[in-house]
Amino acid sequence: MARSSRTVDAYMSQLRHPLKAGIEQLRSAILASNDQITEQVKWNAPSFCYGGVDRATFRLQPGDRFQLILHRGAKPRDDSAEFQFEDTTGLLDWRGPDRAVVTFRDVADVEARQTAVVRLVNRWMST
């Protein structure tokens, strides 16, 4: 896997999650999509960084699903009210003006949405 982190690799090797295959599949696709995306473990899950800033983080609980949270850092930024991001896919569930979630309930969800989600992540990283 390109640019994978040893820390995240170790974390994933110990992960016990019913959708681990889907998590690994999406993780690989995101990392392969952009050589500027790096990863680390944050909030007890793999997190993707752009320019050294966390921008997308998996949420692995509860165990019957997983989510990819698109955010602009751990805390709301001063410019959150002005932030705009167009979601032409309809996949994003907005949780705040600059925080959105994509939920995956099974590996079929990952396979069906992977291309669109990877495109969203790449657009999100540069906002």
Protein backbone atom coordinates (compact mmCIF):
# COMPACT_ATOMS: atom_id res chain seq x y z
CA MET A 1 0.00 0.00 0.00
CA ALA A 2 1.48 3.35 -1.05
CA ARG A 3 2.46 5.75 1.75
CA SER A 4 0.87 3.69 4.46
CA SER A 5 2.05 4.44 7.95
CA ARG A 6 3.65 1.71 10.03
CA THR A 7 1.64 2.97 12.97
CA VAL A 8 -1.62 2.63 11.03
CA ASP A 9 -0.51 -0.72 9.59
CA ALA A 10 0.10 -1.96 13.15
CA TYR A 11 -3.24 -0.56 14.31
CA MET A 12 -5.05 -2.26 11.42
CA SER A 13 -3.33 -5.58 12.05
CA GLN A 14 -4.88 -5.59 15.54
CA LEU A 15 -8.29 -4.25 14.51
CA ARG A 16 -11.23 -6.54 15.10
CA HIS A 17 -14.16 -5.13 13.17
CA PRO A 18 -16.78 -6.97 11.11
CA LEU A 19 -16.21 -4.53 8.20
CA LYS A 20 -12.41 -4.55 8.34
CA ALA A 21 -12.16 -5.62 4.68
CA GLY A 22 -14.17 -2.56 3.62
CA ILE A 23 -12.14 -0.26 5.86
CA GLU A 24 -8.89 -1.59 4.34
CA GLN A 25 -10.30 -1.29 0.82
CA LEU A 26 -11.30 2.35 1.28
CA ARG A 27 -8.06 3.17 3.13
CA SER A 28 -6.02 1.76 0.23
CA ALA A 29 -8.04 3.62 -2.39
CA ILE A 30 -7.69 6.97 -0.60
CA LEU A 31 -3.94 6.58 -0.11
CA ALA A 32 -3.43 5.49 -3.73
CA SER A 33 -5.45 8.42 -5.06
CA ASN A 34 -3.15 11.26 -4.05
CA ASP A 35 0.54 11.19 -3.15
CA GLN A 36 0.07 14.20 -0.86
CA ILE A 37 -2.29 12.32 1.46
CA THR A 38 -0.62 10.76 4.50
CA GLU A 39 -2.10 8.94 7.45
CA GLN A 40 -1.84 8.51 11.19
CA VAL A 41 -3.93 7.14 14.03
CA LYS A 42 -6.22 9.77 15.54
CA TRP A 43 -9.29 9.33 17.73
CA ASN A 44 -8.42 5.60 17.86
CA ALA A 45 -8.82 5.14 14.09
CA PRO A 46 -6.95 5.76 10.84
CA SER A 47 -6.94 9.42 9.87
CA PHE A 48 -5.87 11.02 6.60
CA CYS A 49 -3.79 14.19 6.52
CA TYR A 50 -3.09 16.77 3.86
CA GLY A 51 -0.26 19.21 4.40
CA GLY A 52 0.22 17.74 7.88
CA VAL A 53 -3.37 18.54 8.93
CA ASP A 54 -5.95 15.83 9.70
CA ARG A 55 -8.82 16.20 7.26
CA ALA A 56 -10.63 12.84 7.14
CA THR A 57 -10.90 10.27 9.92
CA PHE A 58 -12.56 6.89 10.18
CA ARG A 59 -15.09 6.34 12.96
CA LEU A 60 -15.25 2.63 13.68
CA GLN A 61 -17.91 2.45 16.38
CA PRO A 62 -20.49 1.05 16.67
CA GLY A 63 -19.28 -2.14 15.04
CA ASP A 64 -22.24 -2.63 12.69
CA ARG A 65 -20.96 0.15 10.39
CA PHE A 66 -18.10 2.53 9.91
CA GLN A 67 -17.98 6.15 8.90
CA LEU A 68 -15.56 8.47 7.21
CA ILE A 69 -15.70 11.90 8.84
CA LEU A 70 -14.58 14.82 6.69
CA HIS A 71 -13.45 17.67 8.89
CA ARG A 72 -11.09 20.63 8.97
CA GLY A 73 -9.31 19.76 12.19
CA ALA A 74 -10.21 18.73 15.70
CA LYS A 75 -11.87 22.02 16.60
CA PRO A 76 -14.17 24.30 14.64
CA ARG A 77 -12.24 26.99 12.81
CA ASP A 78 -12.99 30.70 12.96
CA ASP A 79 -14.04 30.66 9.30
CA SER A 80 -16.48 27.73 9.67
CA ALA A 81 -19.56 29.87 9.02
CA GLU A 82 -18.19 30.96 5.64
CA PHE A 83 -16.96 27.52 4.60
CA GLN A 84 -18.65 26.03 1.55
CA PHE A 85 -18.23 22.65 -0.08
CA GLU A 86 -20.48 21.39 -2.85
CA ASP A 87 -21.47 17.75 -2.56
CA THR A 88 -22.74 16.77 -5.98
CA THR A 89 -22.92 13.09 -4.90
CA GLY A 90 -25.45 13.44 -2.10
CA LEU A 91 -23.32 11.09 0.02
CA LEU A 92 -22.43 13.59 2.74
CA ASP A 93 -24.46 13.85 5.92
CA TRP A 94 -23.58 17.33 7.22
CA ARG A 95 -22.97 17.48 10.98
CA GLY A 96 -21.86 21.11 11.02
CA PRO A 97 -20.89 23.82 8.56
CA ASP A 98 -17.47 22.20 7.96
CA ARG A 99 -17.96 18.60 9.11
CA ALA A 100 -19.65 15.81 7.18
CA VAL A 101 -19.96 12.04 7.40
CA VAL A 102 -20.27 9.18 4.94
CA THR A 103 -21.64 5.97 6.49
CA PHE A 104 -20.85 2.48 5.21
CA ARG A 105 -23.02 -0.42 6.41
CA ASP A 106 -21.27 -3.21 4.50
CA VAL A 107 -18.56 -3.94 1.95
CA ALA A 108 -21.11 -3.54 -0.86
CA ASP A 109 -21.53 0.11 0.26
CA VAL A 110 -17.76 0.58 -0.05
CA GLU A 111 -17.67 -0.97 -3.51
CA ALA A 112 -20.65 1.05 -4.74
CA ARG A 113 -19.44 4.39 -3.37
CA GLN A 114 -15.65 4.09 -3.39
CA THR A 115 -14.94 6.07 -6.57
CA ALA A 116 -17.26 8.93 -5.54
CA VAL A 117 -15.95 8.98 -1.96
CA VAL A 118 -12.31 9.06 -3.08
CA ARG A 119 -13.11 12.00 -5.37
CA LEU A 120 -14.89 13.76 -2.48
CA VAL A 121 -11.93 13.16 -0.16
CA ASN A 122 -9.50 14.60 -2.70
CA ARG A 123 -11.62 17.70 -3.21
CA TRP A 124 -12.07 18.04 0.56
CA MET A 125 -8.35 17.81 1.26
CA SER A 126 -7.60 20.92 -0.73
CA THR A 127 -10.37 23.11 0.73
